Amino acid sequence: MNFNDKLQKLRKDKGLSQEALAELVNVSRQAVAKWELGCSYPDIDNLITLSEIFKVSIDKLLKPSDECSLNTDNTSEFESSELLIKFLCRAKKSTYAGKGPKSPSSRPNSHDLQYNEDNLLYIDTFLGGESFAGEEGLWIDSTPVWSMNYMGRVLSEEFSGSFLKEVLSLVPEDNPYRGPIVYENGDYKYHCIVNGSFEWFNGYEEIFYKDKKVFECMFHGGLVK
């Protein structure tokens, strides 16, 4: 089966019309129709979205095969990701955002925070203050399974660290990287844009005070093996 045949089968197996799939992927119905006719292919961001919707790896979507059954050999991987996401959100709310206790520095002058539940461990370690760089990681039984690197800076004295912590304490499971897509409180407004999925992503966040940008941060990461 080629990609266009696999996509059509997956869509029908899930009971979706071309219009419904187009809405989920945020493209036109005509784009989905062209994919299924083999006239064009989705870009990488749309492939990632299709992979998430149908719980099929991108490699399996694109690689020609004789297989007719596509429902999938990596369901457990997606289920594991959901468990990790729930743990990650709890960990974030309990550490920096929740003003949790600091751990001993792992590097000279680094800021370190940890959170664990049974065999799951979360570590956030960063350098700097007004300009900073850091990494968050997840471990299962001492094996690293997910990581996110970030780098940001304060742009103005109107920046509020309390507002940033407030935002980060609202980290949603459907966007478990920094804060919500949009959040406002008084004169402060927060935006977060993410491309990709928990398995492989990049993003950017910013804070405005009265329409003046006062903070920005870039981040990227995904599953590690």
C-alpha atoms as a PDB file:
ATOM      1  CA  MET A   1       0.000   0.000   0.000  1.00  0.00           C
ATOM      2  CA  ASN A   2       1.160   3.515  -0.796  1.00  0.00           C
ATOM      3  CA  PHE A   3       0.641   6.569   1.393  1.00  0.00           C
ATOM      4  CA  ASN A   4      -2.555   7.701  -0.343  1.00  0.00           C
ATOM      5  CA  ASP A   5      -4.161   4.261   0.058  1.00  0.00           C
ATOM      6  CA  LYS A   6      -3.104   4.020   3.715  1.00  0.00           C
ATOM      7  CA  LEU A   7      -4.476   7.474   4.479  1.00  0.00           C
ATOM      8  CA  GLN A   8      -7.842   6.669   2.903  1.00  0.00           C
ATOM      9  CA  LYS A   9      -8.078   3.361   4.789  1.00  0.00           C
ATOM     10  CA  LEU A  10      -7.132   4.929   8.120  1.00  0.00           C
ATOM     11  CA  ARG A  11      -9.631   7.731   7.643  1.00  0.00           C
ATOM     12  CA  LYS A  12     -12.474   5.350   6.801  1.00  0.00           C
ATOM     13  CA  ASP A  13     -11.552   2.938   9.611  1.00  0.00           C
ATOM     14  CA  LYS A  14     -11.834   5.845  12.033  1.00  0.00           C
ATOM     15  CA  GLY A  15     -15.201   6.851  10.571  1.00  0.00           C
ATOM     16  CA  LEU A  16     -14.021  10.254   9.376  1.00  0.00           C
ATOM     17  CA  SER A  17     -15.110  12.107   6.261  1.00  0.00           C
ATOM     18  CA  GLN A  18     -12.559  14.066   4.254  1.00  0.00           C
ATOM     19  CA  GLU A  19     -14.094  17.235   5.688  1.00  0.00           C
ATOM     20  CA  ALA A  20     -13.760  15.978   9.268  1.00  0.00           C
ATOM     21  CA  LEU A  21     -10.126  14.943   8.776  1.00  0.00           C
ATOM     22  CA  ALA A  22      -9.358  18.265   7.111  1.00  0.00           C
ATOM     23  CA  GLU A  23     -10.742  20.087  10.151  1.00  0.00           C
ATOM     24  CA  LEU A  24      -8.609  18.007  12.533  1.00  0.00           C
ATOM     25  CA  VAL A  25      -5.452  18.695  10.517  1.00  0.00           C
ATOM     26  CA  ASN A  26      -6.448  22.338   9.877  1.00  0.00           C
ATOM     27  CA  VAL A  27      -6.258  22.089   6.077  1.00  0.00           C
ATOM     28  CA  SER A  28      -8.850  22.261   3.313  1.00  0.00           C
ATOM     29  CA  ARG A  29     -10.917  19.255   2.234  1.00  0.00           C
ATOM     30  CA  GLN A  30      -9.321  19.651  -1.195  1.00  0.00           C
ATOM     31  CA  ALA A  31      -5.881  19.109   0.359  1.00  0.00           C
ATOM     32  CA  VAL A  32      -7.027  15.815   1.926  1.00  0.00           C
ATOM     33  CA  ALA A  33      -8.584  14.756  -1.383  1.00  0.00           C
ATOM     34  CA  LYS A  34      -5.295  15.431  -3.209  1.00  0.00           C
ATOM     35  CA  TRP A  35      -3.377  13.393  -0.613  1.00  0.00           C
ATOM     36  CA  GLU A  36      -5.733  10.458  -1.067  1.00  0.00           C
ATOM     37  CA  LEU A  37      -5.496  10.704  -4.864  1.00  0.00           C
ATOM     38  CA  GLY A  38      -1.693  10.719  -4.675  1.00  0.00           C
ATOM     39  CA  CYS A  39      -1.495  14.155  -6.299  1.00  0.00           C
ATOM     40  CA  SER A  40       0.395  15.700  -3.371  1.00  0.00           C
ATOM     41  CA  TYR A  41       1.837  14.887   0.048  1.00  0.00           C
ATOM     42  CA  PRO A  42       1.407  16.557   3.454  1.00  0.00           C
ATOM     43  CA  ASP A  43       4.280  18.634   4.806  1.00  0.00           C
ATOM     44  CA  ILE A  44       6.132  17.412   7.901  1.00  0.00           C
ATOM     45  CA  ASP A  45       3.881  19.246  10.382  1.00  0.00           C
ATOM     46  CA  ASN A  46       0.761  17.723   8.824  1.00  0.00           C
ATOM     47  CA  LEU A  47       2.399  14.294   8.783  1.00  0.00           C
ATOM     48  CA  ILE A  48       3.047  14.605  12.501  1.00  0.00           C
ATOM     49  CA  THR A  49      -0.592  15.541  13.053  1.00  0.00           C
ATOM     50  CA  LEU A  50      -1.807  12.586  10.977  1.00  0.00           C
ATOM     51  CA  SER A  51       0.510  10.306  12.940  1.00  0.00           C
ATOM     52  CA  GLU A  52      -1.059  11.522  16.183  1.00  0.00           C
ATOM     53  CA  ILE A  53      -4.635  11.226  14.921  1.00  0.00           C
ATOM     54  CA  PHE A  54      -4.248   7.665  13.660  1.00  0.00           C
ATOM     55  CA  LYS A  55      -1.580   6.528  16.153  1.00  0.00           C
ATOM     56  CA  VAL A  56       0.663   5.304  13.343  1.00  0.00           C
ATOM     57  CA  SER A  57       4.330   6.194  13.031  1.00  0.00           C
ATOM     58  CA  ILE A  58       5.339   8.552  10.213  1.00  0.00           C
ATOM     59  CA  ASP A  59       7.668   5.858   8.881  1.00  0.00           C
ATOM     60  CA  LYS A  60       4.791   3.394   8.638  1.00  0.00           C
ATOM     61  CA  LEU A  61       2.595   5.997   6.954  1.00  0.00           C
ATOM     62  CA  LEU A  62       5.130   6.790   4.246  1.00  0.00           C
ATOM     63  CA  LYS A  63       6.892   3.483   3.623  1.00  0.00           C
ATOM     64  CA  PRO A  64       5.219   1.385   0.881  1.00  0.00           C
ATOM     65  CA  SER A  65       4.109  -2.026   2.113  1.00  0.00           C
ATOM     66  CA  ASP A  66       1.766  -4.907   1.397  1.00  0.00           C
ATOM     67  CA  GLU A  67       0.128  -4.551   4.798  1.00  0.00           C
ATOM     68  CA  CYS A  68      -3.608  -4.006   4.884  1.00  0.00           C
ATOM     69  CA  SER A  69      -3.874  -3.721   8.652  1.00  0.00           C
ATOM     70  CA  LEU A  70      -2.508  -0.448   9.965  1.00  0.00           C
ATOM     71  CA  ASN A  71      -3.909  -0.305  13.478  1.00  0.00           C
ATOM     72  CA  THR A  72      -0.959  -0.222  14.978  1.00  0.00           C
ATOM     73  CA  ASP A  73       2.006  -1.875  16.502  1.00  0.00           C
ATOM     74  CA  ASN A  74       2.962   1.185  18.561  1.00  0.00           C
ATOM     75  CA  THR A  75      -0.228   1.742  20.549  1.00  0.00           C
ATOM     76  CA  SER A  76       1.666   1.069  23.759  1.00  0.00           C
ATOM     77  CA  GLU A  77       4.124   3.835  22.847  1.00  0.00           C
ATOM     78  CA  PHE A  78       1.294   6.349  22.578  1.00  0.00           C
ATOM     79  CA  GLU A  79      -0.272   5.101  25.812  1.00  0.00           C
ATOM     80  CA  SER A  80       3.110   5.497  27.523  1.00  0.00           C
ATOM     81  CA  SER A  81       3.348   9.049  26.189  1.00  0.00           C
ATOM     82  CA  GLU A  82      -0.030   9.880  27.726  1.00  0.00           C
ATOM     83  CA  LEU A  83       1.158   8.625  31.121  1.00  0.00           C
ATOM     84  CA  LEU A  84       4.372  10.618  30.797  1.00  0.00           C
ATOM     85  CA  ILE A  85       2.439  13.762  29.879  1.00  0.00           C
ATOM     86  CA  LYS A  86       0.245  13.501  32.964  1.00  0.00           C
ATOM     87  CA  PHE A  87       3.337  12.988  35.145  1.00  0.00           C
ATOM     88  CA  LEU A  88       5.176  15.847  33.404  1.00  0.00           C
ATOM     89  CA  CYS A  89       2.346  18.282  34.112  1.00  0.00           C
ATOM     90  CA  ARG A  90       2.245  17.289  37.782  1.00  0.00           C
ATOM     91  CA  ALA A  91       6.016  17.658  38.001  1.00  0.00           C
ATOM     92  CA  LYS A  92       6.018  21.121  36.412  1.00  0.00           C
ATOM     93  CA  LYS A  93       3.302  22.341  38.782  1.00  0.00           C
ATOM     94  CA  SER A  94       5.285  21.037  41.767  1.00  0.00           C
ATOM     95  CA  THR A  95       8.719  22.501  40.921  1.00  0.00           C
ATOM     96  CA  TYR A  96       9.548  25.905  39.396  1.00  0.00           C
ATOM     97  CA  ALA A  97       5.942  26.980  38.789  1.00  0.00           C
ATOM     98  CA  GLY A  98       4.927  25.832  42.267  1.00  0.00           C
ATOM     99  CA  LYS A  99       7.997  27.339  43.942  1.00  0.00           C
ATOM    100  CA  GLY A 100       9.194  23.865  44.894  1.00  0.00           C
ATOM    101  CA  PRO A 101      12.422  23.253  46.806  1.00  0.00           C
ATOM    102  CA  LYS A 102      15.713  23.414  44.935  1.00  0.00           C
ATOM    103  CA  SER A 103      18.010  20.413  44.606  1.00  0.00           C
ATOM    104  CA  PRO A 104      21.814  20.556  44.916  1.00  0.00           C
ATOM    105  CA  SER A 105      23.423  22.095  41.822  1.00  0.00           C
ATOM    106  CA  SER A 106      24.459  19.501  39.259  1.00  0.00           C
ATOM    107  CA  ARG A 107      26.842  22.013  37.593  1.00  0.00           C
ATOM    108  CA  PRO A 108      28.587  25.167  38.838  1.00  0.00           C
ATOM    109  CA  ASN A 109      25.934  27.790  39.672  1.00  0.00           C
ATOM    110  CA  SER A 110      23.110  25.816  38.081  1.00  0.00           C
ATOM    111  CA  HIS A 111      19.555  25.881  39.402  1.00  0.00           C
ATOM    112  CA  ASP A 112      18.144  22.380  39.800  1.00  0.00           C
ATOM    113  CA  LEU A 113      14.700  21.068  40.706  1.00  0.00           C
ATOM    114  CA  GLN A 114      13.486  17.452  40.943  1.00  0.00           C
ATOM    115  CA  TYR A 115      10.200  15.628  41.293  1.00  0.00           C
ATOM    116  CA  ASN A 116       9.569  11.892  41.390  1.00  0.00           C
ATOM    117  CA  GLU A 117       6.731   9.399  41.697  1.00  0.00           C
ATOM    118  CA  ASP A 118       7.615   5.720  42.084  1.00  0.00           C
ATOM    119  CA  ASN A 119       9.858   4.879  39.096  1.00  0.00           C
ATOM    120  CA  LEU A 120       9.290   8.227  37.330  1.00  0.00           C
ATOM    121  CA  LEU A 121      11.752  11.104  37.730  1.00  0.00           C
ATOM    122  CA  TYR A 122      11.635  14.702  36.452  1.00  0.00           C
ATOM    123  CA  ILE A 123      14.650  17.045  36.563  1.00  0.00           C
ATOM    124  CA  ASP A 124      14.739  20.703  35.519  1.00  0.00           C
ATOM    125  CA  THR A 125      18.164  22.340  35.466  1.00  0.00           C
ATOM    126  CA  PHE A 126      18.958  25.819  34.140  1.00  0.00           C
ATOM    127  CA  LEU A 127      21.698  28.448  34.054  1.00  0.00           C
ATOM    128  CA  GLY A 128      21.374  32.208  34.345  1.00  0.00           C
ATOM    129  CA  GLY A 129      18.509  34.472  35.349  1.00  0.00           C
ATOM    130  CA  GLU A 130      17.460  37.380  33.149  1.00  0.00           C
ATOM    131  CA  SER A 131      18.960  35.445  30.236  1.00  0.00           C
ATOM    132  CA  PHE A 132      18.768  31.715  30.817  1.00  0.00           C
ATOM    133  CA  ALA A 133      19.143  28.290  29.237  1.00  0.00           C
ATOM    134  CA  GLY A 134      18.048  24.961  30.586  1.00  0.00           C
ATOM    135  CA  GLU A 135      16.821  21.442  30.100  1.00  0.00           C
ATOM    136  CA  GLU A 136      13.938  19.394  31.463  1.00  0.00           C
ATOM    137  CA  GLY A 137      14.090  15.610  31.361  1.00  0.00           C
ATOM    138  CA  LEU A 138      12.023  12.554  32.240  1.00  0.00           C
ATOM    139  CA  TRP A 139      13.377   9.188  33.379  1.00  0.00           C
ATOM    140  CA  ILE A 140      11.721   5.794  33.832  1.00  0.00           C
ATOM    141  CA  ASP A 141      13.698   3.444  36.088  1.00  0.00           C
ATOM    142  CA  SER A 142      16.782   5.670  35.618  1.00  0.00           C
ATOM    143  CA  THR A 143      16.484   5.498  31.804  1.00  0.00           C
ATOM    144  CA  PRO A 144      16.037   8.885  30.060  1.00  0.00           C
ATOM    145  CA  VAL A 145      12.920   8.891  27.847  1.00  0.00           C
ATOM    146  CA  TRP A 146      12.081  12.559  27.092  1.00  0.00           C
ATOM    147  CA  SER A 147      13.880  15.886  27.073  1.00  0.00           C
ATOM    148  CA  MET A 148      13.173  19.553  26.366  1.00  0.00           C
ATOM    149  CA  ASN A 149      15.769  22.310  25.963  1.00  0.00           C
ATOM    150  CA  TYR A 150      14.825  25.952  26.390  1.00  0.00           C
ATOM    151  CA  MET A 151      16.461  29.379  26.196  1.00  0.00           C
ATOM    152  CA  GLY A 152      14.901  32.726  27.035  1.00  0.00           C
ATOM    153  CA  ARG A 153      15.415  36.263  28.228  1.00  0.00           C
ATOM    154  CA  VAL A 154      13.731  39.123  30.050  1.00  0.00           C
ATOM    155  CA  LEU A 155      13.307  42.107  27.718  1.00  0.00           C
ATOM    156  CA  SER A 156      12.027  44.812  30.056  1.00  0.00           C
ATOM    157  CA  GLU A 157      11.771  45.757  33.713  1.00  0.00           C
ATOM    158  CA  GLU A 158       7.977  45.361  33.474  1.00  0.00           C
ATOM    159  CA  PHE A 159       8.462  41.599  33.337  1.00  0.00           C
ATOM    160  CA  SER A 160       6.791  39.764  36.234  1.00  0.00           C
ATOM    161  CA  GLY A 161       8.291  36.516  37.478  1.00  0.00           C
ATOM    162  CA  SER A 162       5.122  35.881  39.452  1.00  0.00           C
ATOM    163  CA  PHE A 163       3.025  36.091  36.287  1.00  0.00           C
ATOM    164  CA  LEU A 164       5.365  33.627  34.524  1.00  0.00           C
ATOM    165  CA  LYS A 165       5.035  31.140  37.391  1.00  0.00           C
ATOM    166  CA  GLU A 166       1.257  31.627  37.305  1.00  0.00           C
ATOM    167  CA  VAL A 167       1.246  30.806  33.585  1.00  0.00           C
ATOM    168  CA  LEU A 168       3.496  27.773  33.947  1.00  0.00           C
ATOM    169  CA  SER A 169       1.339  26.415  36.767  1.00  0.00           C
ATOM    170  CA  LEU A 170      -1.502  26.185  34.207  1.00  0.00           C
ATOM    171  CA  VAL A 171       0.400  23.869  31.851  1.00  0.00           C
ATOM    172  CA  PRO A 172      -2.273  21.842  29.986  1.00  0.00           C
ATOM    173  CA  GLU A 173      -2.005  18.160  29.075  1.00  0.00           C
ATOM    174  CA  ASP A 174      -2.755  18.953  25.427  1.00  0.00           C
ATOM    175  CA  ASN A 175       0.177  21.400  25.343  1.00  0.00           C
ATOM    176  CA  PRO A 176       2.502  20.075  28.087  1.00  0.00           C
ATOM    177  CA  TYR A 177       5.586  22.167  27.374  1.00  0.00           C
ATOM    178  CA  ARG A 178       5.261  25.588  28.984  1.00  0.00           C
ATOM    179  CA  GLY A 179       1.895  27.339  29.474  1.00  0.00           C
ATOM    180  CA  PRO A 180      -1.520  27.566  27.782  1.00  0.00           C
ATOM    181  CA  ILE A 181      -1.779  28.786  24.193  1.00  0.00           C
ATOM    182  CA  VAL A 182      -3.122  32.147  25.436  1.00  0.00           C
ATOM    183  CA  TYR A 183      -3.504  33.497  28.963  1.00  0.00           C
ATOM    184  CA  GLU A 184      -4.245  36.979  30.289  1.00  0.00           C
ATOM    185  CA  ASN A 185      -4.284  38.527  33.742  1.00  0.00           C
ATOM    186  CA  GLY A 186      -4.613  42.281  34.122  1.00  0.00           C
ATOM    187  CA  ASP A 187      -2.082  44.082  31.934  1.00  0.00           C
ATOM    188  CA  TYR A 188      -0.139  40.883  31.203  1.00  0.00           C
ATOM    189  CA  LYS A 189      -0.764  38.579  28.258  1.00  0.00           C
ATOM    190  CA  TYR A 190       0.966  35.282  27.420  1.00  0.00           C
ATOM    191  CA  HIS A 191       1.225  33.491  24.045  1.00  0.00           C
ATOM    192  CA  CYS A 192       2.655  30.032  23.346  1.00  0.00           C
ATOM    193  CA  ILE A 193       3.058  28.543  19.860  1.00  0.00           C
ATOM    194  CA  VAL A 194       4.051  24.877  19.382  1.00  0.00           C
ATOM    195  CA  ASN A 195       4.819  22.898  16.235  1.00  0.00           C
ATOM    196  CA  GLY A 196       4.862  19.104  16.359  1.00  0.00           C
ATOM    197  CA  SER A 197       3.884  16.671  19.078  1.00  0.00           C
ATOM    198  CA  PHE A 198       5.179  15.321  22.370  1.00  0.00           C
ATOM    199  CA  GLU A 199       7.409  12.930  20.399  1.00  0.00           C
ATOM    200  CA  TRP A 200       9.155  15.757  18.446  1.00  0.00           C
ATOM    201  CA  PHE A 201       8.372  19.465  18.778  1.00  0.00           C
ATOM    202  CA  ASN A 202       9.584  23.054  18.878  1.00  0.00           C
ATOM    203  CA  GLY A 203       7.931  26.172  20.204  1.00  0.00           C
ATOM    204  CA  TYR A 204       8.091  29.802  21.260  1.00  0.00           C
ATOM    205  CA  GLU A 205       6.471  31.744  24.098  1.00  0.00           C
ATOM    206  CA  GLU A 206       6.240  35.444  24.863  1.00  0.00           C
ATOM    207  CA  ILE A 207       4.793  37.739  27.512  1.00  0.00           C
ATOM    208  CA  PHE A 208       3.404  41.209  26.854  1.00  0.00           C
ATOM    209  CA  TYR A 209       2.762  44.011  29.306  1.00  0.00           C
ATOM    210  CA  LYS A 210       0.328  46.577  27.882  1.00  0.00           C
ATOM    211  CA  ASP A 211       1.197  45.399  24.330  1.00  0.00           C
ATOM    212  CA  LYS A 212       4.936  45.683  25.026  1.00  0.00           C
ATOM    213  CA  LYS A 213       6.913  42.442  24.762  1.00  0.00           C
ATOM    214  CA  VAL A 214       8.760  41.886  28.056  1.00  0.00           C
ATOM    215  CA  PHE A 215       9.802  38.208  27.848  1.00  0.00           C
ATOM    216  CA  GLU A 216      10.501  35.521  25.255  1.00  0.00           C
ATOM    217  CA  CYS A 217      11.618  31.899  25.308  1.00  0.00           C
ATOM    218  CA  MET A 218      12.317  29.256  22.647  1.00  0.00           C
ATOM    219  CA  PHE A 219      12.123  25.509  23.320  1.00  0.00           C
ATOM    220  CA  HIS A 220      12.359  22.173  21.549  1.00  0.00           C
ATOM    221  CA  GLY A 221      12.539  18.498  22.395  1.00  0.00           C
ATOM    222  CA  GLY A 222      10.936  15.070  22.175  1.00  0.00           C
ATOM    223  CA  LEU A 223      11.272  11.429  23.105  1.00  0.00           C
ATOM    224  CA  VAL A 224      14.791  10.018  23.449  1.00  0.00           C
ATOM    225  CA  LYS A 225      15.885   6.398  23.005  1.00  0.00           C
END
